[in-house]
N, C-alpha and C. Protein backbone atom coordinates (compact mmCIF):
# COMPACT_ATOMS: atom_id res chain seq x y z
N MET A 1 71.11 4.20 -153.08
CA MET A 1 71.55 5.43 -153.71
C MET A 1 70.96 6.66 -153.02
N THR A 2 69.72 6.55 -152.60
CA THR A 2 69.12 7.72 -151.95
C THR A 2 69.81 8.04 -150.63
N GLY A 3 70.27 6.99 -149.95
CA GLY A 3 70.97 7.20 -148.68
C GLY A 3 72.25 8.01 -148.88
N ILE A 4 72.92 7.77 -149.98
CA ILE A 4 74.16 8.50 -150.27
C ILE A 4 73.86 9.96 -150.55
N ARG A 5 72.81 10.21 -151.27
CA ARG A 5 72.45 11.60 -151.59
C ARG A 5 72.09 12.38 -150.33
N ILE A 6 71.37 11.75 -149.44
CA ILE A 6 70.98 12.44 -148.19
C ILE A 6 72.23 12.82 -147.40
N ASN A 7 73.17 11.89 -147.31
CA ASN A 7 74.40 12.18 -146.59
C ASN A 7 75.17 13.32 -147.24
N CYS A 8 75.19 13.37 -148.55
CA CYS A 8 75.88 14.44 -149.27
C CYS A 8 75.22 15.78 -149.00
N LYS A 9 73.90 15.77 -149.00
CA LYS A 9 73.18 17.03 -148.74
C LYS A 9 73.48 17.53 -147.34
N LYS A 10 73.49 16.64 -146.37
CA LYS A 10 73.78 17.05 -145.01
C LYS A 10 75.18 17.62 -144.91
N LYS A 11 76.11 16.99 -145.61
CA LYS A 11 77.49 17.44 -145.58
C LYS A 11 77.60 18.83 -146.22
N LYS A 12 76.90 19.02 -147.34
CA LYS A 12 76.94 20.31 -148.02
C LYS A 12 76.33 21.41 -147.15
N MET A 13 75.23 21.09 -146.47
CA MET A 13 74.59 22.08 -145.60
C MET A 13 75.53 22.49 -144.47
N GLY A 14 76.24 21.51 -143.91
CA GLY A 14 77.20 21.80 -142.85
C GLY A 14 78.33 22.68 -143.35
N GLU A 15 78.81 22.38 -144.56
CA GLU A 15 79.88 23.19 -145.14
C GLU A 15 79.40 24.61 -145.40
N LEU A 16 78.17 24.73 -145.91
CA LEU A 16 77.62 26.06 -146.17
C LEU A 16 77.48 26.87 -144.89
N GLN A 17 77.02 26.22 -143.84
CA GLN A 17 76.86 26.93 -142.58
C GLN A 17 78.19 27.41 -142.05
N LYS A 18 79.23 26.60 -142.17
CA LYS A 18 80.56 27.01 -141.72
C LYS A 18 81.06 28.19 -142.54
N GLN A 19 80.82 28.14 -143.86
CA GLN A 19 81.26 29.24 -144.71
C GLN A 19 80.52 30.52 -144.36
N ASP A 20 79.21 30.40 -144.11
CA ASP A 20 78.43 31.59 -143.76
C ASP A 20 78.94 32.22 -142.48
N LEU A 21 79.32 31.41 -141.52
CA LEU A 21 79.83 31.94 -140.26
C LEU A 21 81.13 32.71 -140.47
N LYS A 22 81.94 32.21 -141.40
CA LYS A 22 83.22 32.88 -141.65
C LYS A 22 83.02 34.17 -142.43
N THR A 23 82.11 34.17 -143.38
CA THR A 23 81.96 35.33 -144.24
C THR A 23 80.97 36.36 -143.70
N ASP A 24 79.96 35.89 -142.97
CA ASP A 24 78.98 36.84 -142.42
C ASP A 24 79.61 37.67 -141.33
N LYS A 25 79.32 38.95 -141.38
CA LYS A 25 79.77 39.81 -140.30
C LYS A 25 78.63 39.96 -139.31
N ARG A 26 78.96 39.92 -138.07
CA ARG A 26 77.96 40.08 -137.03
C ARG A 26 77.46 41.53 -137.07
N PRO A 27 76.16 41.74 -136.86
CA PRO A 27 75.63 43.10 -136.93
C PRO A 27 76.12 43.99 -135.78
N TYR A 28 76.49 43.37 -134.65
CA TYR A 28 76.94 44.16 -133.50
C TYR A 28 78.30 43.66 -133.06
N ASN A 29 79.16 44.57 -132.76
CA ASN A 29 80.46 44.21 -132.21
C ASN A 29 80.40 44.48 -130.71
N PHE A 30 80.32 43.40 -129.94
CA PHE A 30 80.24 43.55 -128.50
C PHE A 30 81.65 43.67 -127.94
N LYS A 31 81.89 44.75 -127.22
CA LYS A 31 83.16 44.96 -126.60
C LYS A 31 83.10 44.38 -125.20
N LYS A 32 84.02 43.50 -124.89
CA LYS A 32 84.03 42.90 -123.58
C LYS A 32 84.44 43.95 -122.57
N ARG A 33 83.55 44.19 -121.62
CA ARG A 33 83.81 45.23 -120.63
C ARG A 33 84.46 44.60 -119.41
N SER A 34 85.45 45.28 -118.88
CA SER A 34 86.16 44.75 -117.74
C SER A 34 85.52 45.21 -116.44
N CYS A 35 85.85 44.55 -115.37
CA CYS A 35 85.30 44.85 -114.06
C CYS A 35 85.84 46.20 -113.59
N PRO A 36 84.95 47.12 -113.18
CA PRO A 36 85.41 48.44 -112.73
C PRO A 36 86.15 48.40 -111.40
N LEU A 37 86.06 47.31 -110.67
CA LEU A 37 86.73 47.20 -109.37
C LEU A 37 88.02 46.40 -109.44
N SER A 38 88.34 45.84 -110.62
CA SER A 38 89.55 45.02 -110.76
C SER A 38 90.67 45.75 -111.50
N ILE A 39 90.37 46.86 -112.13
CA ILE A 39 91.40 47.58 -112.90
C ILE A 39 92.38 48.27 -111.96
N ASP A 40 93.52 48.68 -112.50
CA ASP A 40 94.52 49.39 -111.70
C ASP A 40 93.96 50.72 -111.21
N GLY A 41 94.21 51.02 -109.97
CA GLY A 41 93.75 52.29 -109.39
C GLY A 41 92.31 52.27 -108.94
N ALA A 42 91.68 51.11 -108.97
CA ALA A 42 90.29 51.01 -108.53
C ALA A 42 90.24 51.05 -107.01
N PRO A 43 89.18 51.63 -106.46
CA PRO A 43 89.09 51.68 -104.99
C PRO A 43 88.85 50.30 -104.41
N LYS A 44 89.34 50.11 -103.20
CA LYS A 44 89.18 48.83 -102.52
C LYS A 44 87.75 48.73 -101.99
N VAL A 45 87.15 47.56 -102.12
CA VAL A 45 85.78 47.34 -101.64
C VAL A 45 85.85 47.20 -100.12
N ASP A 46 85.18 48.14 -99.43
CA ASP A 46 85.19 48.13 -97.97
C ASP A 46 83.84 48.63 -97.47
N TYR A 47 83.38 48.09 -96.37
CA TYR A 47 82.07 48.49 -95.86
C TYR A 47 82.03 49.94 -95.39
N LYS A 48 83.21 50.53 -95.12
CA LYS A 48 83.27 51.92 -94.67
C LYS A 48 83.22 52.92 -95.82
N ASN A 49 83.44 52.45 -97.04
CA ASN A 49 83.43 53.31 -98.23
C ASN A 49 82.00 53.41 -98.77
N ILE A 50 81.18 54.24 -98.13
CA ILE A 50 79.76 54.34 -98.44
C ILE A 50 79.53 54.91 -99.84
N LYS A 51 80.37 55.84 -100.24
CA LYS A 51 80.23 56.46 -101.56
C LYS A 51 80.34 55.42 -102.68
N LEU A 52 81.28 54.50 -102.54
CA LEU A 52 81.46 53.43 -103.53
C LEU A 52 80.27 52.47 -103.49
N LEU A 53 79.85 52.09 -102.30
CA LEU A 53 78.77 51.11 -102.16
C LEU A 53 77.45 51.63 -102.73
N LYS A 54 77.20 52.92 -102.61
CA LYS A 54 75.95 53.50 -103.11
C LYS A 54 75.84 53.42 -104.63
N ARG A 55 76.98 53.34 -105.31
CA ARG A 55 76.98 53.21 -106.78
C ARG A 55 76.41 51.87 -107.23
N PHE A 56 76.49 50.87 -106.35
CA PHE A 56 76.07 49.51 -106.70
C PHE A 56 74.77 49.11 -106.02
N ILE A 57 74.01 50.09 -105.56
CA ILE A 57 72.72 49.84 -104.92
C ILE A 57 71.66 50.58 -105.72
N SER A 58 70.49 49.93 -105.92
CA SER A 58 69.40 50.55 -106.66
C SER A 58 68.72 51.63 -105.82
N GLU A 59 67.79 52.32 -106.43
CA GLU A 59 67.06 53.39 -105.74
C GLU A 59 66.24 52.83 -104.58
N LYS A 60 65.81 51.58 -104.73
CA LYS A 60 65.01 50.95 -103.67
C LYS A 60 65.87 50.33 -102.58
N GLY A 61 67.18 50.31 -102.77
CA GLY A 61 68.08 49.77 -101.76
C GLY A 61 68.58 48.37 -102.04
N LYS A 62 68.25 47.82 -103.20
CA LYS A 62 68.71 46.47 -103.55
C LYS A 62 70.10 46.53 -104.17
N ILE A 63 70.85 45.45 -103.98
CA ILE A 63 72.18 45.35 -104.61
C ILE A 63 71.98 45.02 -106.08
N LEU A 64 72.59 45.81 -106.95
CA LEU A 64 72.44 45.59 -108.40
C LEU A 64 73.19 44.34 -108.82
N PRO A 65 72.64 43.57 -109.77
CA PRO A 65 73.32 42.35 -110.23
C PRO A 65 74.57 42.68 -111.06
N SER A 66 75.48 41.73 -111.10
CA SER A 66 76.75 41.95 -111.80
C SER A 66 76.58 42.07 -113.31
N ARG A 67 75.50 41.51 -113.87
CA ARG A 67 75.30 41.63 -115.32
C ARG A 67 74.98 43.07 -115.71
N ILE A 68 74.52 43.87 -114.77
CA ILE A 68 74.24 45.28 -115.04
C ILE A 68 75.47 46.14 -114.75
N THR A 69 76.14 45.86 -113.63
CA THR A 69 77.28 46.67 -113.22
C THR A 69 78.60 46.20 -113.80
N ASN A 70 78.63 45.00 -114.41
CA ASN A 70 79.84 44.41 -115.00
C ASN A 70 80.94 44.15 -113.98
N VAL A 71 80.55 43.85 -112.77
CA VAL A 71 81.50 43.52 -111.72
C VAL A 71 81.79 42.03 -111.79
N SER A 72 83.04 41.65 -111.60
CA SER A 72 83.41 40.23 -111.64
C SER A 72 82.76 39.48 -110.47
N THR A 73 82.73 38.17 -110.57
CA THR A 73 82.07 37.35 -109.56
C THR A 73 82.72 37.52 -108.19
N LYS A 74 84.02 37.53 -108.16
CA LYS A 74 84.76 37.68 -106.90
C LYS A 74 84.46 39.04 -106.26
N LYS A 75 84.52 40.08 -107.06
CA LYS A 75 84.27 41.43 -106.53
C LYS A 75 82.81 41.62 -106.16
N GLN A 76 81.90 40.93 -106.87
CA GLN A 76 80.47 41.02 -106.54
C GLN A 76 80.22 40.42 -105.16
N ARG A 77 80.89 39.33 -104.85
CA ARG A 77 80.76 38.71 -103.52
C ARG A 77 81.29 39.66 -102.44
N GLU A 78 82.44 40.28 -102.70
CA GLU A 78 83.01 41.24 -101.74
C GLU A 78 82.07 42.42 -101.56
N LEU A 79 81.54 42.91 -102.66
CA LEU A 79 80.62 44.04 -102.65
C LEU A 79 79.36 43.70 -101.85
N SER A 80 78.82 42.54 -102.08
CA SER A 80 77.62 42.10 -101.37
C SER A 80 77.88 42.02 -99.87
N ARG A 81 79.01 41.44 -99.51
CA ARG A 81 79.37 41.32 -98.09
C ARG A 81 79.54 42.69 -97.46
N ALA A 82 80.19 43.61 -98.19
CA ALA A 82 80.42 44.97 -97.67
C ALA A 82 79.10 45.72 -97.48
N VAL A 83 78.18 45.58 -98.43
CA VAL A 83 76.88 46.25 -98.33
C VAL A 83 76.10 45.72 -97.13
N LYS A 84 76.12 44.41 -96.95
CA LYS A 84 75.40 43.81 -95.83
C LYS A 84 75.98 44.24 -94.49
N ARG A 85 77.31 44.35 -94.41
CA ARG A 85 77.95 44.83 -93.18
C ARG A 85 77.59 46.28 -92.91
N ALA A 86 77.62 47.09 -93.97
CA ALA A 86 77.30 48.51 -93.81
C ALA A 86 75.85 48.70 -93.38
N ARG A 87 74.96 47.87 -93.89
CA ARG A 87 73.56 47.92 -93.47
C ARG A 87 73.43 47.55 -91.99
N PHE A 88 74.13 46.50 -91.58
CA PHE A 88 74.05 46.03 -90.21
C PHE A 88 74.56 47.10 -89.24
N LEU A 89 75.57 47.84 -89.64
CA LEU A 89 76.15 48.89 -88.79
C LEU A 89 75.45 50.24 -88.97
N ALA A 90 74.34 50.25 -89.72
CA ALA A 90 73.52 51.45 -89.96
C ALA A 90 74.26 52.53 -90.74
N LEU A 91 75.23 52.13 -91.57
CA LEU A 91 75.90 53.08 -92.47
C LEU A 91 75.10 53.24 -93.75
N LEU A 92 74.37 52.20 -94.12
CA LEU A 92 73.48 52.21 -95.28
C LEU A 92 72.08 51.79 -94.84
N PRO A 93 71.04 52.35 -95.47
CA PRO A 93 69.70 51.90 -95.13
C PRO A 93 69.38 50.56 -95.80
N TYR A 94 68.53 49.78 -95.16
CA TYR A 94 68.08 48.53 -95.78
C TYR A 94 67.14 48.82 -96.95
N VAL A 95 66.29 49.85 -96.78
CA VAL A 95 65.31 50.23 -97.80
C VAL A 95 65.34 51.75 -97.93
N ASN A 96 65.40 52.23 -99.17
CA ASN A 96 65.30 53.67 -99.42
C ASN A 96 63.85 54.02 -99.71
N ASN A 97 63.37 55.07 -99.12
CA ASN A 97 61.96 55.49 -99.36
C ASN A 97 61.87 56.47 -100.49
């Protein structure tokens, strides 16, 4: 008999948790932000576009991660490649002082 009661309690707890998820409102509404380089009218990622590349580089000269800039994975790879090319051709500094 005790085994049956334990199973019932577990079942009730699971049901309660599901109900709480449905009725509880999340304290924050996170808006999914889209990639600024994938929208219509966005500039093309190119190593010659220094103005665009500087937006995605930190003050010290590091490439900012996509979780901060909200750039998609594909565009982050393109951006990284463009920054590295621009550095190699001396269009961008490797380190900012």
